[in-house]
Amino acid sequence: MSSDSDSSSNCLGGMDFMFDSQQPTIIQTYNFPPSIKISMNVIDDDPGAVISGHYLWPASHLMGRYLTEEEGIQIFLKTKPKNIIELGAGCGMSGLVAGQVWGDAELTFTDYDFGVLTRCESNRDETLKSASSPGLINAKFVNLEWGDSEVCAVLGKFDLILGSDVIYSAAIVTQLMKTVNDLIADDNGVFIMTQSFVYDKETEDAIEKERKAMKIEKEVVVDAWSGIGEVEVLEKYGIAGEQKGKITIFRRARIL
């Protein structure tokens, strides 16, 4: 059993994200093929063990690469997504990329941290200086706590849901997947999730349990830890070396 002082330290450690908006930042530019450009105001440091959306997490790069490669684009080859939402958007890279790949789609960024949403909107504005699309210009920024069905009902259904490094413990899986279930379109809706660190068995089991209960199909596209994916593919996504990653697609089956 931990002492009171240990508990207090843990609580204070968990509040680190509240002060991240005061950390020094720099403007960074990221390019994705063929001509997608993202400009972002980010904290010039590695997040380490801090769970905060003010940092740019590695899985955002992985998501951006996947969405701009042939494999990602082909998910909506026949029918383009009309609306896209990013969960736990943080700095917003995944949504900013998607907003240029499918420029006419309605775009929504969500996070539980109001400060993060402010940063995300600022990154949208910075990106608009060099790139433009109706989706980016008219993007919405919404405070959303996972599991809040009332907010999800107002938001509606989405053809494409994005999540980059959104799971950091098994305890949040149920609420995340409940939100996905509330938001994913009933007819071929897709949830793409990327991760830059390996999940433990408890977390993987929780994901599997929830997605089966939701009757949602799952496909692991690449997994650098388990060796799923050719070396050339892992290299293309930048996860063949020291930086590892995994891309998982969840699909709502078509209603016949």
Protein backbone atom coordinates (compact mmCIF):
# COMPACT_ATOMS: atom_id res chain seq x y z
CA MET A 1 0.00 0.00 0.00
CA SER A 2 1.34 3.43 -0.89
CA SER A 3 1.77 6.12 1.72
CA ASP A 4 -0.15 9.41 1.74
CA SER A 5 2.95 11.19 0.46
CA ASP A 6 3.23 8.71 -2.42
CA SER A 7 -0.43 9.26 -3.31
CA SER A 8 0.01 13.01 -3.27
CA SER A 9 3.03 12.76 -5.55
CA ASN A 10 1.09 10.60 -7.98
CA CYS A 11 -1.81 13.07 -8.05
CA LEU A 12 0.52 16.01 -8.65
CA GLY A 13 2.32 14.06 -11.35
CA GLY A 14 -0.97 13.48 -13.09
CA MET A 15 -1.64 17.23 -13.08
CA ASP A 16 1.51 18.07 -15.07
CA PHE A 17 -0.57 18.60 -18.22
CA MET A 18 -2.27 21.62 -16.61
CA PHE A 19 0.97 23.60 -16.87
CA ASP A 20 2.05 22.43 -20.31
CA SER A 21 0.39 25.38 -22.04
CA GLN A 22 3.07 27.56 -20.39
CA GLN A 23 5.99 25.55 -21.80
CA PRO A 24 8.16 27.21 -24.49
CA THR A 25 7.08 26.30 -28.02
CA ILE A 26 8.40 26.46 -31.56
CA ILE A 27 6.77 26.50 -34.99
CA GLN A 28 7.45 23.23 -36.80
CA THR A 29 6.57 22.36 -40.39
CA TYR A 30 5.83 18.78 -41.47
CA ASN A 31 5.45 17.59 -45.04
CA PHE A 32 3.54 14.55 -46.28
CA PRO A 33 3.24 13.27 -49.87
CA PRO A 34 2.38 14.46 -52.35
CA SER A 35 2.09 18.10 -51.27
CA ILE A 36 0.51 18.23 -47.81
CA LYS A 37 2.05 20.72 -45.42
CA ILE A 38 1.29 21.09 -41.72
CA SER A 39 2.57 23.98 -39.58
CA MET A 40 2.26 23.58 -35.82
CA ASN A 41 3.13 25.40 -32.62
CA VAL A 42 4.43 22.59 -30.39
CA ILE A 43 6.41 22.15 -27.17
CA ASP A 44 10.06 21.68 -28.09
CA ASP A 45 10.56 18.56 -25.99
CA ASP A 46 9.71 14.88 -25.76
CA PRO A 47 6.57 14.17 -23.67
CA GLY A 48 8.28 11.34 -21.81
CA ALA A 49 5.83 9.94 -19.25
CA VAL A 50 3.65 13.07 -19.23
CA ILE A 51 0.17 12.37 -20.57
CA SER A 52 -0.56 15.63 -22.36
CA GLY A 53 -1.96 16.73 -25.69
CA HIS A 54 0.28 19.81 -25.72
CA TYR A 55 3.09 17.58 -27.00
CA LEU A 56 3.26 16.11 -30.49
CA TRP A 57 3.15 12.34 -30.04
CA PRO A 58 4.96 9.97 -32.47
CA ALA A 59 1.77 8.17 -33.51
CA SER A 60 0.55 11.41 -35.10
CA HIS A 61 3.37 11.17 -37.64
CA LEU A 62 2.44 7.54 -38.26
CA MET A 63 -1.20 8.49 -38.84
CA GLY A 64 -0.19 11.28 -41.20
CA ARG A 65 1.97 8.95 -43.24
CA TYR A 66 -0.73 6.30 -43.42
CA LEU A 67 -3.46 8.73 -44.51
CA THR A 68 -1.31 10.09 -47.33
CA GLU A 69 -0.10 6.73 -48.64
CA GLU A 70 -2.03 4.61 -51.12
CA GLU A 71 -3.19 2.13 -48.45
CA GLY A 72 -4.85 4.83 -46.38
CA ILE A 73 -6.41 6.68 -49.29
CA GLN A 74 -7.90 3.46 -50.69
CA ILE A 75 -10.04 3.00 -47.58
CA PHE A 76 -12.36 5.58 -49.11
CA LEU A 77 -11.53 5.01 -52.77
CA LYS A 78 -15.16 4.63 -53.90
CA THR A 79 -16.92 6.96 -51.47
CA LYS A 80 -14.97 9.76 -49.81
CA PRO A 81 -15.69 10.51 -46.14
CA LYS A 82 -18.17 13.34 -45.73
CA ASN A 83 -17.26 14.00 -42.12
CA ILE A 84 -14.12 13.32 -40.05
CA ILE A 85 -13.51 13.57 -36.32
CA GLU A 86 -10.29 13.30 -34.32
CA LEU A 87 -10.52 12.02 -30.74
CA GLY A 88 -7.94 13.20 -28.22
CA ALA A 89 -6.74 15.55 -30.94
CA GLY A 90 -3.91 17.13 -28.99
CA CYS A 91 -1.92 19.26 -31.43
CA GLY A 92 -4.24 18.12 -34.22
CA MET A 93 -1.79 16.69 -36.75
CA SER A 94 -3.97 13.70 -37.75
CA GLY A 95 -7.00 15.88 -38.41
CA LEU A 96 -4.96 18.54 -40.20
CA VAL A 97 -3.62 15.91 -42.58
CA ALA A 98 -7.05 14.34 -43.14
CA GLY A 99 -8.51 17.78 -43.75
CA GLN A 100 -6.22 18.15 -46.76
CA VAL A 101 -6.47 14.57 -48.05
CA TRP A 102 -10.28 14.87 -48.10
CA GLY A 103 -10.59 18.63 -48.36
CA ASP A 104 -14.37 18.85 -48.74
CA ALA A 105 -15.15 16.74 -45.67
CA GLU A 106 -16.52 18.36 -42.52
CA LEU A 107 -13.77 18.29 -39.90
CA THR A 108 -14.11 18.17 -36.10
CA PHE A 109 -11.32 18.16 -33.52
CA THR A 110 -12.09 17.02 -29.97
CA ASP A 111 -10.22 16.87 -26.67
CA TYR A 112 -11.12 17.02 -22.98
CA ASP A 113 -8.51 19.75 -22.32
CA PHE A 114 -9.69 23.25 -23.29
CA GLY A 115 -6.07 24.46 -23.43
CA VAL A 116 -5.23 21.73 -25.91
CA LEU A 117 -8.19 22.71 -28.09
CA THR A 118 -6.91 26.29 -28.13
CA ARG A 119 -3.50 25.06 -29.28
CA CYS A 120 -5.14 22.81 -31.86
CA GLU A 121 -7.14 25.69 -33.31
CA SER A 122 -3.99 27.81 -33.41
CA ASN A 123 -2.26 25.03 -35.36
CA ARG A 124 -5.15 24.99 -37.82
CA ASP A 125 -4.73 28.74 -38.30
CA GLU A 126 -0.96 28.34 -38.76
CA THR A 127 -1.50 25.58 -41.34
CA LEU A 128 -3.99 27.72 -43.26
CA LYS A 129 -1.16 30.17 -44.03
CA SER A 130 0.25 27.66 -46.53
CA ALA A 131 -2.61 25.23 -47.19
CA SER A 132 -6.35 25.59 -47.53
CA SER A 133 -9.46 23.45 -47.83
CA PRO A 134 -13.13 23.93 -46.91
CA GLY A 135 -12.70 21.35 -44.16
CA LEU A 136 -9.84 23.19 -42.52
CA ILE A 137 -11.45 26.61 -42.84
CA ASN A 138 -14.75 25.49 -41.32
CA ALA A 139 -13.34 23.02 -38.77
CA LYS A 140 -15.03 22.69 -35.37
CA PHE A 141 -13.21 22.39 -32.04
CA VAL A 142 -15.27 20.62 -29.38
CA ASN A 143 -14.63 19.72 -25.76
CA LEU A 144 -15.40 16.02 -25.38
CA GLU A 145 -14.90 13.68 -22.47
CA TRP A 146 -15.03 10.07 -23.57
CA GLY A 147 -18.22 8.31 -22.52
CA ASP A 148 -20.35 11.48 -22.75
CA SER A 149 -23.19 10.22 -24.95
CA GLU A 150 -25.04 13.54 -24.82
CA VAL A 151 -22.21 15.43 -26.51
CA CYS A 152 -21.79 12.57 -29.01
CA ALA A 153 -25.49 12.75 -29.88
CA VAL A 154 -25.09 16.44 -30.71
CA LEU A 155 -21.97 15.76 -32.79
CA GLY A 156 -23.71 13.03 -34.82
CA LYS A 157 -22.17 10.21 -36.84
CA PHE A 158 -18.84 10.23 -38.68
CA ASP A 159 -17.51 8.29 -41.66
CA LEU A 160 -13.94 8.51 -40.33
CA ILE A 161 -12.72 8.65 -36.73
CA LEU A 162 -9.02 9.21 -35.97
CA GLY A 163 -7.09 8.46 -32.79
CA SER A 164 -3.31 8.77 -32.33
CA ASP A 165 -1.71 7.54 -29.08
CA VAL A 166 -5.09 7.82 -27.38
CA ILE A 167 -4.83 4.78 -25.07
CA TYR A 168 -2.40 4.96 -22.16
CA SER A 169 -4.05 2.44 -19.79
CA ALA A 170 -6.65 -0.33 -19.85
CA ALA A 171 -8.86 1.77 -17.59
CA ILE A 172 -9.85 4.19 -20.36
CA VAL A 173 -10.59 1.62 -23.08
CA THR A 174 -14.28 1.17 -22.22
CA GLN A 175 -15.03 4.91 -22.33
CA LEU A 176 -13.03 5.42 -25.52
CA MET A 177 -14.73 2.55 -27.33
CA LYS A 178 -18.14 3.70 -26.07
CA THR A 179 -17.45 7.06 -27.68
CA VAL A 180 -16.34 5.38 -30.90
CA ASN A 181 -19.55 3.35 -30.87
CA ASP A 182 -21.61 6.52 -30.40
CA LEU A 183 -19.86 8.38 -33.22
CA ILE A 184 -19.02 5.81 -35.89
CA ALA A 185 -21.32 5.82 -38.92
CA ASP A 186 -23.67 2.85 -39.07
CA ASP A 187 -22.88 2.21 -42.73
CA ASN A 188 -19.18 1.40 -43.17
CA GLY A 189 -17.85 3.86 -40.60
CA VAL A 190 -14.10 3.57 -39.96
CA PHE A 191 -11.97 4.21 -36.85
CA ILE A 192 -8.21 4.35 -37.48
CA MET A 193 -6.00 4.10 -34.41
CA THR A 194 -2.22 4.49 -34.35
CA GLN A 195 0.09 3.88 -31.40
CA SER A 196 3.78 4.47 -30.71
CA PHE A 197 4.10 2.23 -27.66
CA VAL A 198 3.08 -1.37 -27.08
CA TYR A 199 -0.05 -2.12 -25.03
CA ASP A 200 -0.02 -4.67 -22.24
CA LYS A 201 -2.24 -7.77 -22.39
CA GLU A 202 -4.91 -6.22 -20.17
CA THR A 203 -5.31 -3.30 -22.55
CA GLU A 204 -5.35 -5.48 -25.67
CA ASP A 205 -7.94 -7.78 -24.05
CA ALA A 206 -10.09 -4.78 -23.12
CA ILE A 207 -10.00 -3.46 -26.70
CA GLU A 208 -10.94 -6.87 -28.06
CA LYS A 209 -13.80 -7.27 -25.58
CA GLU A 210 -15.29 -3.87 -26.37
CA ARG A 211 -15.02 -4.10 -30.14
CA LYS A 212 -16.69 -7.55 -30.13
CA ALA A 213 -19.53 -6.20 -28.00
CA MET A 214 -19.92 -3.37 -30.52
CA LYS A 215 -19.83 -5.86 -33.43
CA ILE A 216 -17.03 -3.90 -35.05
CA GLU A 217 -14.45 -5.59 -37.29
CA LYS A 218 -10.73 -5.14 -36.58
CA GLU A 219 -7.73 -5.26 -38.91
CA VAL A 220 -4.11 -4.74 -37.86
CA VAL A 221 -2.45 -3.09 -40.86
CA VAL A 222 1.10 -3.06 -39.48
CA ASP A 223 2.60 -3.92 -36.10
CA ALA A 224 6.34 -3.36 -35.73
CA TRP A 225 6.41 -5.26 -32.42
CA SER A 226 4.71 -8.39 -33.75
CA GLY A 227 6.32 -8.33 -37.18
CA ILE A 228 3.07 -7.69 -39.06
CA GLY A 229 3.95 -5.92 -42.30
CA GLU A 230 6.80 -6.19 -44.79
CA VAL A 231 10.05 -4.42 -43.92
CA GLU A 232 9.54 -2.06 -46.85
CA VAL A 233 6.13 -1.07 -45.48
CA LEU A 234 7.47 -0.53 -41.96
CA GLU A 235 10.25 1.62 -43.39
CA LYS A 236 7.74 3.65 -45.40
CA TYR A 237 5.85 4.46 -42.21
CA GLY A 238 9.04 5.16 -40.25
CA ILE A 239 8.62 2.32 -37.75
CA ALA A 240 11.25 -0.16 -38.92
CA GLY A 241 14.03 1.18 -36.69
CA GLU A 242 14.16 2.35 -33.09
CA GLN A 243 10.75 4.03 -33.32
CA LYS A 244 8.05 1.36 -33.35
CA GLY A 245 4.37 1.66 -34.15
CA LYS A 246 1.08 -0.04 -34.92
CA ILE A 247 -1.89 0.84 -37.13
CA THR A 248 -5.28 -0.72 -36.42
CA ILE A 249 -8.48 -0.19 -38.38
CA PHE A 250 -11.92 -0.77 -36.86
CA ARG A 251 -14.88 -0.94 -39.25
CA ARG A 252 -18.62 -0.86 -38.77
CA ALA A 253 -19.93 -3.54 -41.12
CA ARG A 254 -22.15 -2.38 -43.95
CA ILE A 255 -25.87 -2.60 -43.17
CA LEU A 256 -27.57 -4.72 -45.84
